């Protein structure tokens, strides 16, 4: 399968990396693609490192394993760079997207010689300002969509609005905040 896109997510329990990977799978599925979105659990506790995965393709995938050579990596918690080999197997023609207030150039030396694109987004700041709490998964989801182009941006925004309206039907302010966070993240992601 030539057009398969594989994404590996690194986060900590409670940060929403698993939820973001599932939302990305739903959005891609709604555009007619074949998808997989699944987590890998270690110790299931708040704050413990977790990994989640996405496979997105125009053809059915018969592979059902973890992703060892991803096209893209999303790091929801910058502190994981010091303890997890987040660039392991990452293809140089892909990219890594990191939740950080630092620039791509500032983070590159910490990525074990990775030569591909390094992207950053201050997901914590965006979520604090738009949602009032640190929920980095929504901005990180938007950033990976922008960087990969795996889902058309307009289709993605429309799909997320429908998803948020369903999930937060009784909380319109949460819907509006999440939509602002998505759009802002797509504008503010830095590519280096």
N, C-alpha and C. Protein backbone atom coordinates (compact mmCIF):
# COMPACT_ATOMS: atom_id res chain seq x y z
N UNK A 1 0.84 -1.17 0.00
CA UNK A 1 0.00 0.00 0.00
C UNK A 1 0.88 1.24 0.00
N UNK A 2 0.87 1.96 -1.09
CA UNK A 2 1.72 3.12 -1.22
C UNK A 2 1.23 4.32 -0.41
N UNK A 3 -0.06 4.46 -0.28
CA UNK A 3 -0.58 5.69 0.32
C UNK A 3 -0.91 5.58 1.81
N UNK A 4 -0.43 4.55 2.46
CA UNK A 4 -0.73 4.41 3.89
C UNK A 4 0.09 5.43 4.69
N UNK A 5 -0.57 6.07 5.66
CA UNK A 5 0.10 7.01 6.55
C UNK A 5 0.01 6.42 7.95
N UNK A 6 1.17 6.31 8.60
CA UNK A 6 1.22 5.76 9.95
C UNK A 6 1.71 6.82 10.92
N UNK A 7 0.97 6.96 12.01
CA UNK A 7 1.25 7.99 13.01
C UNK A 7 1.35 7.33 14.38
N UNK A 8 2.39 7.71 15.12
CA UNK A 8 2.55 7.22 16.49
C UNK A 8 2.43 8.42 17.44
N UNK A 9 1.62 8.25 18.47
CA UNK A 9 1.39 9.29 19.47
C UNK A 9 2.09 8.91 20.77
N UNK A 10 2.79 9.87 21.39
CA UNK A 10 3.39 9.69 22.71
C UNK A 10 2.78 10.73 23.65
N UNK A 11 2.27 10.26 24.77
CA UNK A 11 1.71 11.17 25.76
C UNK A 11 1.76 10.54 27.13
N UNK A 12 1.06 11.15 28.04
CA UNK A 12 0.94 10.60 29.40
C UNK A 12 -0.54 10.36 29.66
N UNK A 13 -0.82 9.37 30.49
CA UNK A 13 -2.20 9.07 30.84
C UNK A 13 -2.93 10.31 31.33
N UNK A 14 -4.09 10.59 30.75
CA UNK A 14 -4.88 11.74 31.15
C UNK A 14 -4.72 12.96 30.26
N UNK A 15 -3.76 12.92 29.31
CA UNK A 15 -3.55 14.08 28.43
C UNK A 15 -4.37 14.00 27.14
N UNK A 16 -5.00 12.87 26.89
CA UNK A 16 -5.88 12.76 25.74
C UNK A 16 -5.24 12.29 24.45
N UNK A 17 -4.04 11.70 24.50
CA UNK A 17 -3.40 11.21 23.27
C UNK A 17 -4.24 10.11 22.62
N UNK A 18 -4.75 9.19 23.44
CA UNK A 18 -5.60 8.12 22.90
C UNK A 18 -6.86 8.70 22.28
N UNK A 19 -7.50 9.62 22.96
CA UNK A 19 -8.71 10.24 22.44
C UNK A 19 -8.44 10.97 21.13
N UNK A 20 -7.32 11.69 21.06
CA UNK A 20 -6.97 12.41 19.83
C UNK A 20 -6.74 11.44 18.68
N UNK A 21 -6.08 10.32 18.95
CA UNK A 21 -5.84 9.34 17.87
C UNK A 21 -7.16 8.75 17.38
N UNK A 22 -8.10 8.55 18.28
CA UNK A 22 -9.41 8.02 17.88
C UNK A 22 -10.22 9.06 17.12
N UNK A 23 -10.12 10.33 17.52
CA UNK A 23 -10.81 11.40 16.79
C UNK A 23 -10.25 11.55 15.38
N UNK A 24 -8.92 11.41 15.25
CA UNK A 24 -8.32 11.47 13.92
C UNK A 24 -8.80 10.31 13.07
N UNK A 25 -8.89 9.13 13.65
CA UNK A 25 -9.39 7.96 12.91
C UNK A 25 -10.83 8.19 12.46
N UNK A 26 -11.67 8.73 13.34
CA UNK A 26 -13.06 9.02 12.97
C UNK A 26 -13.14 10.03 11.83
N UNK A 27 -12.35 11.10 11.93
CA UNK A 27 -12.38 12.14 10.89
C UNK A 27 -11.93 11.58 9.55
N UNK A 28 -10.87 10.76 9.54
CA UNK A 28 -10.39 10.16 8.29
C UNK A 28 -11.41 9.16 7.74
N UNK A 29 -12.03 8.38 8.62
CA UNK A 29 -13.05 7.42 8.20
C UNK A 29 -14.23 8.14 7.54
N UNK A 30 -14.61 9.28 8.10
CA UNK A 30 -15.73 10.04 7.56
C UNK A 30 -15.45 10.65 6.19
N UNK A 31 -14.18 10.64 5.77
CA UNK A 31 -13.83 11.10 4.42
C UNK A 31 -13.67 9.92 3.47
N UNK A 32 -14.01 8.71 3.93
CA UNK A 32 -13.96 7.54 3.06
C UNK A 32 -12.69 6.73 3.14
N UNK A 33 -11.82 7.03 4.09
CA UNK A 33 -10.57 6.29 4.21
C UNK A 33 -10.73 5.10 5.14
N UNK A 34 -9.83 4.15 4.98
CA UNK A 34 -9.75 3.03 5.90
C UNK A 34 -8.83 3.46 7.04
N UNK A 35 -9.21 3.13 8.25
CA UNK A 35 -8.47 3.64 9.40
C UNK A 35 -8.27 2.59 10.48
N UNK A 36 -7.24 2.84 11.26
CA UNK A 36 -7.03 2.14 12.52
C UNK A 36 -6.61 3.20 13.53
N UNK A 37 -7.14 3.13 14.70
CA UNK A 37 -6.75 4.01 15.80
C UNK A 37 -6.80 3.19 17.07
N UNK A 38 -5.65 3.03 17.72
CA UNK A 38 -5.63 2.16 18.90
C UNK A 38 -4.50 2.55 19.85
N UNK A 39 -4.69 2.32 21.14
CA UNK A 39 -3.66 2.62 22.13
C UNK A 39 -2.84 1.38 22.48
N UNK A 40 -1.69 1.63 23.07
CA UNK A 40 -0.89 0.56 23.69
C UNK A 40 -0.74 0.98 25.14
N UNK A 41 -1.16 0.13 26.02
CA UNK A 41 -1.12 0.48 27.44
C UNK A 41 0.03 -0.21 28.13
N UNK A 42 0.65 0.54 29.04
CA UNK A 42 1.59 -0.04 30.00
C UNK A 42 0.85 0.03 31.32
N UNK A 43 1.50 0.60 32.33
CA UNK A 43 0.80 0.78 33.59
C UNK A 43 -0.32 1.81 33.39
N UNK A 44 -1.54 1.41 33.62
CA UNK A 44 -2.68 2.28 33.34
C UNK A 44 -2.94 3.21 34.51
N UNK A 45 -2.16 4.29 34.55
CA UNK A 45 -2.39 5.26 35.62
C UNK A 45 -2.15 6.66 35.08
N UNK A 46 -2.75 7.61 35.72
CA UNK A 46 -2.62 9.01 35.35
C UNK A 46 -1.14 9.41 35.36
N UNK A 47 -0.68 10.00 34.27
CA UNK A 47 0.70 10.48 34.19
C UNK A 47 1.70 9.48 33.65
N UNK A 48 1.33 8.21 33.52
CA UNK A 48 2.25 7.21 32.99
C UNK A 48 2.35 7.37 31.47
N UNK A 49 3.53 7.11 30.89
CA UNK A 49 3.66 7.21 29.43
C UNK A 49 2.72 6.24 28.72
N UNK A 50 2.08 6.74 27.66
CA UNK A 50 1.22 5.89 26.83
C UNK A 50 1.60 6.13 25.37
N UNK A 51 1.25 5.16 24.55
CA UNK A 51 1.47 5.26 23.11
C UNK A 51 0.15 4.93 22.43
N UNK A 52 -0.16 5.66 21.38
CA UNK A 52 -1.35 5.38 20.57
C UNK A 52 -0.92 5.44 19.11
N UNK A 53 -1.74 4.86 18.25
CA UNK A 53 -1.37 4.73 16.84
C UNK A 53 -2.53 5.02 15.91
N UNK A 54 -2.18 5.47 14.70
CA UNK A 54 -3.14 5.60 13.60
C UNK A 54 -2.53 5.03 12.33
N UNK A 55 -3.34 4.29 11.59
CA UNK A 55 -3.04 3.91 10.21
C UNK A 55 -4.19 4.45 9.37
N UNK A 56 -3.86 5.18 8.32
CA UNK A 56 -4.88 5.78 7.47
C UNK A 56 -4.51 5.52 6.02
N UNK A 57 -5.47 4.97 5.25
CA UNK A 57 -5.18 4.60 3.87
C UNK A 57 -6.45 4.60 3.04
N UNK A 58 -6.27 4.62 1.73
CA UNK A 58 -7.43 4.50 0.84
C UNK A 58 -7.78 3.05 0.56
N UNK A 59 -6.94 2.13 1.04
CA UNK A 59 -7.19 0.70 0.90
C UNK A 59 -7.22 0.05 2.28
N UNK A 60 -7.90 -1.06 2.37
CA UNK A 60 -7.97 -1.80 3.64
C UNK A 60 -6.57 -2.29 4.02
N UNK A 61 -6.20 -2.12 5.26
CA UNK A 61 -4.91 -2.59 5.77
C UNK A 61 -5.11 -3.92 6.49
N UNK A 62 -4.27 -4.88 6.13
CA UNK A 62 -4.33 -6.18 6.80
C UNK A 62 -3.31 -6.27 7.94
N UNK A 63 -2.54 -5.21 8.14
CA UNK A 63 -1.56 -5.16 9.21
C UNK A 63 -2.27 -4.67 10.48
N UNK A 64 -2.08 -5.41 11.57
CA UNK A 64 -2.73 -5.04 12.83
C UNK A 64 -1.73 -5.07 13.98
N UNK A 65 -0.55 -4.53 13.75
CA UNK A 65 0.48 -4.50 14.79
C UNK A 65 0.72 -3.05 15.21
N UNK A 66 1.55 -2.89 16.23
CA UNK A 66 1.98 -1.55 16.59
C UNK A 66 2.74 -0.96 15.40
N UNK A 67 3.01 0.31 15.44
CA UNK A 67 3.71 0.98 14.34
C UNK A 67 5.15 1.23 14.79
N UNK A 68 6.08 0.60 14.08
CA UNK A 68 7.49 0.69 14.44
C UNK A 68 8.27 1.67 13.57
N UNK A 69 7.76 1.97 12.38
CA UNK A 69 8.41 2.89 11.45
C UNK A 69 7.39 3.93 10.97
N UNK A 70 6.99 4.83 11.89
CA UNK A 70 5.93 5.78 11.55
C UNK A 70 6.39 6.84 10.56
N UNK A 71 5.40 7.37 9.84
CA UNK A 71 5.65 8.53 8.98
C UNK A 71 5.70 9.80 9.83
N UNK A 72 4.89 9.81 10.87
CA UNK A 72 4.78 10.97 11.74
C UNK A 72 4.72 10.54 13.20
N UNK A 73 5.23 11.39 14.08
CA UNK A 73 5.14 11.17 15.52
C UNK A 73 4.58 12.44 16.15
N UNK A 74 3.67 12.25 17.10
CA UNK A 74 3.10 13.35 17.87
C UNK A 74 3.55 13.17 19.32
N UNK A 75 4.15 14.20 19.90
CA UNK A 75 4.59 14.15 21.29
C UNK A 75 3.74 15.16 22.07
N UNK A 76 2.80 14.63 22.84
CA UNK A 76 1.85 15.47 23.57
C UNK A 76 2.49 16.08 24.82
N UNK A 77 3.55 15.43 25.34
CA UNK A 77 4.23 15.92 26.54
C UNK A 77 5.73 16.00 26.25
N UNK A 78 6.24 17.21 26.16
CA UNK A 78 7.65 17.44 25.82
C UNK A 78 8.62 16.72 26.75
N UNK A 79 8.24 16.50 28.02
CA UNK A 79 9.16 15.85 28.96
C UNK A 79 9.47 14.40 28.56
N UNK A 80 8.63 13.81 27.71
CA UNK A 80 8.88 12.43 27.28
C UNK A 80 10.12 12.31 26.39
N UNK A 81 10.55 13.41 25.79
CA UNK A 81 11.73 13.38 24.93
C UNK A 81 12.95 12.88 25.69
N UNK A 82 13.03 13.19 26.98
CA UNK A 82 14.17 12.78 27.80
C UNK A 82 14.11 11.31 28.23
N UNK A 83 12.92 10.71 28.24
CA UNK A 83 12.80 9.35 28.78
C UNK A 83 12.34 8.30 27.77
N UNK A 84 11.80 8.74 26.63
CA UNK A 84 11.28 7.81 25.62
C UNK A 84 11.96 8.15 24.30
N UNK A 85 12.36 7.15 23.54
CA UNK A 85 12.97 7.39 22.23
C UNK A 85 11.85 7.69 21.23
N UNK A 86 11.38 8.94 21.24
CA UNK A 86 10.22 9.32 20.44
C UNK A 86 10.51 9.28 18.94
N UNK A 87 11.78 9.34 18.55
CA UNK A 87 12.11 9.31 17.12
C UNK A 87 12.45 7.91 16.62
N UNK A 88 12.34 6.90 17.46
CA UNK A 88 12.67 5.52 17.05
C UNK A 88 11.87 5.14 15.81
N UNK A 89 12.58 4.80 14.75
CA UNK A 89 11.93 4.34 13.52
C UNK A 89 11.27 5.42 12.69
N UNK A 90 11.27 6.67 13.15
CA UNK A 90 10.57 7.75 12.45
C UNK A 90 11.25 8.03 11.11
N UNK A 91 10.46 7.98 10.04
CA UNK A 91 10.98 8.19 8.70
C UNK A 91 11.39 9.65 8.51
N UNK A 92 12.55 9.86 7.87
CA UNK A 92 13.06 11.22 7.69
C UNK A 92 12.21 12.06 6.76
N UNK A 93 11.44 11.43 5.87
CA UNK A 93 10.57 12.21 4.99
C UNK A 93 9.26 12.59 5.68
N UNK A 94 9.10 12.16 6.92
CA UNK A 94 7.92 12.51 7.71
C UNK A 94 8.20 13.71 8.58
N UNK A 95 7.66 13.69 9.80
CA UNK A 95 7.85 14.82 10.72
C UNK A 95 7.50 14.39 12.14
N UNK A 96 8.02 15.15 13.08
CA UNK A 96 7.64 14.99 14.48
C UNK A 96 6.98 16.30 14.92
N UNK A 97 5.86 16.20 15.61
CA UNK A 97 5.11 17.37 16.09
C UNK A 97 5.14 17.31 17.61
N UNK A 98 5.70 18.35 18.24
CA UNK A 98 5.93 18.35 19.68
C UNK A 98 5.17 19.49 20.34
N UNK A 99 4.50 19.18 21.43
CA UNK A 99 3.83 20.20 22.26
C UNK A 99 4.91 20.92 23.05
N UNK A 100 5.25 22.13 22.61
CA UNK A 100 6.30 22.88 23.28
C UNK A 100 6.20 24.36 22.96
N UNK A 101 6.65 25.18 23.89
CA UNK A 101 6.75 26.62 23.63
C UNK A 101 8.06 26.94 22.93
N UNK A 102 8.93 25.94 22.81
CA UNK A 102 10.23 26.13 22.13
C UNK A 102 10.05 26.07 20.61
N UNK A 103 11.04 26.56 19.91
CA UNK A 103 11.03 26.49 18.45
C UNK A 103 11.53 25.13 18.00
N UNK A 104 11.26 24.76 16.75
CA UNK A 104 11.82 23.51 16.23
C UNK A 104 13.34 23.46 16.35
N UNK A 105 14.01 24.57 16.08
CA UNK A 105 15.48 24.61 16.16
C UNK A 105 15.98 24.34 17.58
N UNK A 106 15.25 24.81 18.58
CA UNK A 106 15.65 24.58 19.97
C UNK A 106 15.50 23.11 20.36
N UNK A 107 14.54 22.41 19.80
CA UNK A 107 14.30 21.01 20.18
C UNK A 107 15.11 20.01 19.36
N UNK A 108 15.49 20.37 18.14
CA UNK A 108 16.19 19.43 17.26
C UNK A 108 17.39 18.75 17.94
N UNK A 109 18.24 19.47 18.70
CA UNK A 109 19.39 18.80 19.34
C UNK A 109 19.01 17.69 20.32
N UNK A 110 17.78 17.69 20.81
CA UNK A 110 17.33 16.69 21.78
C UNK A 110 16.74 15.44 21.12
N UNK A 111 16.72 15.41 19.77
CA UNK A 111 16.01 14.36 19.05
C UNK A 111 16.93 13.31 18.43
N UNK A 112 18.05 13.05 19.06
CA UNK A 112 18.95 11.94 18.70
C UNK A 112 19.33 11.92 17.23
N UNK A 113 19.59 13.09 16.66
CA UNK A 113 20.07 13.16 15.28
C UNK A 113 18.99 13.06 14.22
N UNK A 114 17.72 13.13 14.60
CA UNK A 114 16.64 13.05 13.61
C UNK A 114 16.80 14.18 12.60
N UNK A 115 16.75 13.85 11.31
CA UNK A 115 17.02 14.83 10.25
C UNK A 115 15.76 15.35 9.55
N UNK A 116 14.61 14.77 9.83
CA UNK A 116 13.36 15.20 9.17
C UNK A 116 12.82 16.48 9.76
N UNK A 117 11.58 16.80 9.39
CA UNK A 117 10.93 18.02 9.87
C UNK A 117 10.62 17.91 11.36
N UNK A 118 10.87 19.01 12.05
CA UNK A 118 10.51 19.13 13.46
C UNK A 118 9.50 20.26 13.55
N UNK A 119 8.34 19.96 14.13
CA UNK A 119 7.27 20.95 14.25
C UNK A 119 6.92 21.12 15.72
N UNK A 120 6.59 22.35 16.09
CA UNK A 120 6.18 22.60 17.47
C UNK A 120 4.88 23.40 17.49
N UNK A 121 4.16 23.19 18.56
CA UNK A 121 2.92 23.93 18.81
C UNK A 121 2.79 24.05 20.33
N UNK A 122 2.49 25.23 20.81
CA UNK A 122 2.31 25.43 22.25
C UNK A 122 0.87 25.07 22.60
N UNK A 123 0.60 23.78 22.62
CA UNK A 123 -0.76 23.27 22.86
C UNK A 123 -1.27 23.62 24.26
N UNK A 124 -0.37 23.64 25.22
CA UNK A 124 -0.78 24.01 26.58
C UNK A 124 -1.29 25.43 26.66
N UNK A 125 -0.55 26.35 26.06
CA UNK A 125 -0.95 27.76 26.05
C UNK A 125 -2.28 27.94 25.31
N UNK A 126 -2.40 27.32 24.15
CA UNK A 126 -3.63 27.46 23.36
C UNK A 126 -4.83 26.92 24.14
N UNK A 127 -4.68 25.74 24.74
CA UNK A 127 -5.82 25.17 25.46
C UNK A 127 -6.15 25.97 26.72
N UNK A 128 -5.13 26.48 27.39
CA UNK A 128 -5.39 27.33 28.58
C UNK A 128 -6.18 28.57 28.17
N UNK A 129 -5.76 29.19 27.06
CA UNK A 129 -6.40 30.44 26.64
C UNK A 129 -7.78 30.22 26.02
N UNK A 130 -7.97 29.11 25.32
CA UNK A 130 -9.25 28.88 24.64
C UNK A 130 -10.23 28.04 25.44
N UNK A 131 -9.71 27.16 26.32
CA UNK A 131 -10.58 26.25 27.07
C UNK A 131 -10.54 26.48 28.57
N UNK A 132 -9.56 27.26 29.03
CA UNK A 132 -9.46 27.54 30.46
C UNK A 132 -8.75 26.45 31.25
N UNK A 133 -8.31 25.38 30.58
CA UNK A 133 -7.59 24.28 31.23
C UNK A 133 -6.57 23.72 30.25
N UNK A 134 -5.61 22.98 30.78
CA UNK A 134 -4.59 22.39 29.93
C UNK A 134 -5.08 21.05 29.37
N UNK A 135 -5.71 21.11 28.21
CA UNK A 135 -6.15 19.94 27.46
C UNK A 135 -5.40 19.95 26.13
N UNK A 136 -4.17 19.43 26.10
CA UNK A 136 -3.34 19.57 24.90
C UNK A 136 -3.78 18.73 23.70
N UNK A 137 -4.68 17.77 23.90
CA UNK A 137 -5.00 16.87 22.79
C UNK A 137 -5.69 17.55 21.62
N UNK A 138 -6.58 18.50 21.88
CA UNK A 138 -7.28 19.18 20.78
C UNK A 138 -6.30 19.96 19.91
N UNK A 139 -5.43 20.81 20.48
CA UNK A 139 -4.46 21.50 19.63
C UNK A 139 -3.49 20.54 18.92
N UNK A 140 -3.09 19.48 19.59
CA UNK A 140 -2.16 18.53 18.97
C UNK A 140 -2.82 17.81 17.79
N UNK A 141 -4.09 17.48 17.94
CA UNK A 141 -4.84 16.85 16.86
C UNK A 141 -4.88 17.77 15.63
N UNK A 142 -5.18 19.04 15.84
CA UNK A 142 -5.21 19.99 14.73
C UNK A 142 -3.84 20.15 14.09
N UNK A 143 -2.80 20.19 14.91
CA UNK A 143 -1.44 20.36 14.39
C UNK A 143 -1.04 19.19 13.50
N UNK A 144 -1.35 17.95 13.91
CA UNK A 144 -0.95 16.81 13.08
C UNK A 144 -1.76 16.77 11.78
N UNK A 145 -3.01 17.18 11.82
CA UNK A 145 -3.80 17.25 10.58
C UNK A 145 -3.17 18.27 9.63
N UNK A 146 -2.78 19.42 10.16
CA UNK A 146 -2.16 20.46 9.34
C UNK A 146 -0.83 19.99 8.75
N UNK A 147 0.00 19.35 9.55
CA UNK A 147 1.32 18.91 9.10
C UNK A 147 1.23 17.76 8.10
N UNK A 148 0.32 16.81 8.32
CA UNK A 148 0.25 15.62 7.45
C UNK A 148 -0.60 15.83 6.21
N UNK A 149 -1.65 16.63 6.33
CA UNK A 149 -2.59 16.75 5.22
C UNK A 149 -3.38 15.47 4.99
N UNK A 150 -3.39 14.58 5.98
CA UNK A 150 -4.05 13.28 5.84
C UNK A 150 -5.57 13.42 5.72
N UNK A 151 -6.10 14.51 6.21
CA UNK A 151 -7.53 14.83 6.09
C UNK A 151 -7.60 16.28 5.61
N UNK A 152 -8.48 16.56 4.66
CA UNK A 152 -8.68 17.92 4.20
C UNK A 152 -9.07 18.79 5.39
N UNK A 153 -8.45 19.95 5.51
CA UNK A 153 -8.66 20.83 6.66
C UNK A 153 -10.13 21.21 6.83
N UNK A 154 -10.79 21.58 5.74
CA UNK A 154 -12.21 21.97 5.85
C UNK A 154 -13.08 20.80 6.28
N UNK A 155 -12.82 19.61 5.73
CA UNK A 155 -13.56 18.41 6.14
C UNK A 155 -13.31 18.11 7.61
N UNK A 156 -12.07 18.27 8.03
CA UNK A 156 -11.69 18.00 9.42
C UNK A 156 -12.42 18.95 10.37
N UNK A 157 -12.41 20.23 10.06
CA UNK A 157 -13.07 21.22 10.92
C UNK A 157 -14.56 20.91 11.04
N UNK A 158 -15.18 20.61 9.91
CA UNK A 158 -16.62 20.30 9.91
C UNK A 158 -16.89 19.03 10.73
N UNK A 159 -16.06 18.01 10.57
CA UNK A 159 -16.23 16.77 11.30
C UNK A 159 -16.06 16.98 12.81
N UNK A 160 -15.05 17.74 13.19
CA UNK A 160 -14.81 17.99 14.61
C UNK A 160 -15.95 18.80 15.23
N UNK A 161 -16.48 19.75 14.49
CA UNK A 161 -17.60 20.54 15.01
C UNK A 161 -18.79 19.63 15.29
N UNK A 162 -19.07 18.71 14.37
CA UNK A 162 -20.15 17.76 14.58
C UNK A 162 -19.89 16.85 15.77
N UNK A 163 -18.65 16.39 15.90
CA UNK A 163 -18.27 15.52 17.01
C UNK A 163 -18.41 16.26 18.35
N UNK A 164 -17.91 17.50 18.41
CA UNK A 164 -18.01 18.28 19.64
C UNK A 164 -19.46 18.60 19.99
N UNK A 165 -20.28 18.91 18.98
CA UNK A 165 -21.70 19.21 19.24
C UNK A 165 -22.40 18.00 19.84
N UNK A 166 -22.02 16.82 19.38
CA UNK A 166 -22.61 15.59 19.92
C UNK A 166 -22.13 15.35 21.35
N UNK A 167 -20.81 15.48 21.55
CA UNK A 167 -20.21 15.15 22.85
C UNK A 167 -20.56 16.19 23.93
N UNK A 168 -20.59 17.47 23.53
CA UNK A 168 -20.80 18.54 24.50
C UNK A 168 -22.10 19.30 24.23
N UNK A 169 -23.16 18.58 23.92
CA UNK A 169 -24.45 19.20 23.55
C UNK A 169 -24.94 20.20 24.59
N UNK A 170 -24.71 19.93 25.85
CA UNK A 170 -25.22 20.83 26.89
C UNK A 170 -24.21 21.90 27.30
N UNK A 171 -23.05 21.95 26.61
CA UNK A 171 -22.00 22.92 26.97
C UNK A 171 -21.50 23.65 25.73
N UNK A 172 -22.30 24.57 25.19
CA UNK A 172 -21.89 25.26 23.95
C UNK A 172 -20.56 26.01 24.07
N UNK A 173 -20.23 26.49 25.26
CA UNK A 173 -18.97 27.20 25.44
C UNK A 173 -17.77 26.27 25.23
N UNK A 174 -17.92 25.00 25.56
CA UNK A 174 -16.85 24.02 25.35
C UNK A 174 -16.67 23.76 23.85
N UNK A 175 -17.78 23.70 23.13
CA UNK A 175 -17.72 23.50 21.68
C UNK A 175 -16.97 24.67 21.04
N UNK A 176 -17.37 25.88 21.39
CA UNK A 176 -16.74 27.08 20.82
C UNK A 176 -15.26 27.13 21.16
N UNK A 177 -14.89 26.83 22.40
CA UNK A 177 -13.48 26.85 22.82
C UNK A 177 -12.66 25.83 22.06
N UNK A 178 -13.20 24.62 21.90
CA UNK A 178 -12.49 23.58 21.16
C UNK A 178 -12.32 23.97 19.69
N UNK A 179 -13.32 24.57 19.10
CA UNK A 179 -13.22 24.98 17.70
C UNK A 179 -12.17 26.08 17.54
N UNK A 180 -12.15 27.03 18.46
CA UNK A 180 -11.12 28.08 18.41
C UNK A 180 -9.72 27.47 18.57
N UNK A 181 -9.60 26.50 19.49
CA UNK A 181 -8.30 25.85 19.72
C UNK A 181 -7.83 25.11 18.46
N UNK A 182 -8.74 24.42 17.78
CA UNK A 182 -8.39 23.71 16.55
C UNK A 182 -7.87 24.67 15.49
N UNK A 183 -8.65 25.70 15.24
CA UNK A 183 -8.30 26.65 14.17
C UNK A 183 -7.01 27.39 14.50
N UNK A 184 -6.86 27.78 15.74
CA UNK A 184 -5.66 28.51 16.14
C UNK A 184 -4.41 27.63 16.02
N UNK A 185 -4.54 26.38 16.38
CA UNK A 185 -3.41 25.46 16.31
C UNK A 185 -2.93 25.28 14.86
N UNK A 186 -3.86 25.21 13.94
CA UNK A 186 -3.49 25.06 12.55
C UNK A 186 -2.72 26.28 12.04
N UNK A 187 -3.03 27.44 12.60
CA UNK A 187 -2.32 28.67 12.20
C UNK A 187 -0.97 28.79 12.89
N UNK A 188 -0.85 28.30 14.12
CA UNK A 188 0.34 28.56 14.93
C UNK A 188 1.39 27.46 14.90
N UNK A 189 1.10 26.30 14.32
CA UNK A 189 2.11 25.24 14.30
C UNK A 189 3.33 25.73 13.53
N UNK A 190 4.51 25.53 14.12
CA UNK A 190 5.78 25.95 13.50
C UNK A 190 6.44 24.73 12.87
N UNK A 191 6.92 24.89 11.64
CA UNK A 191 7.60 23.80 10.94
C UNK A 191 9.06 24.21 10.74
N UNK A 192 9.98 23.34 11.19
CA UNK A 192 11.40 23.65 11.05
C UNK A 192 12.19 22.51 10.52
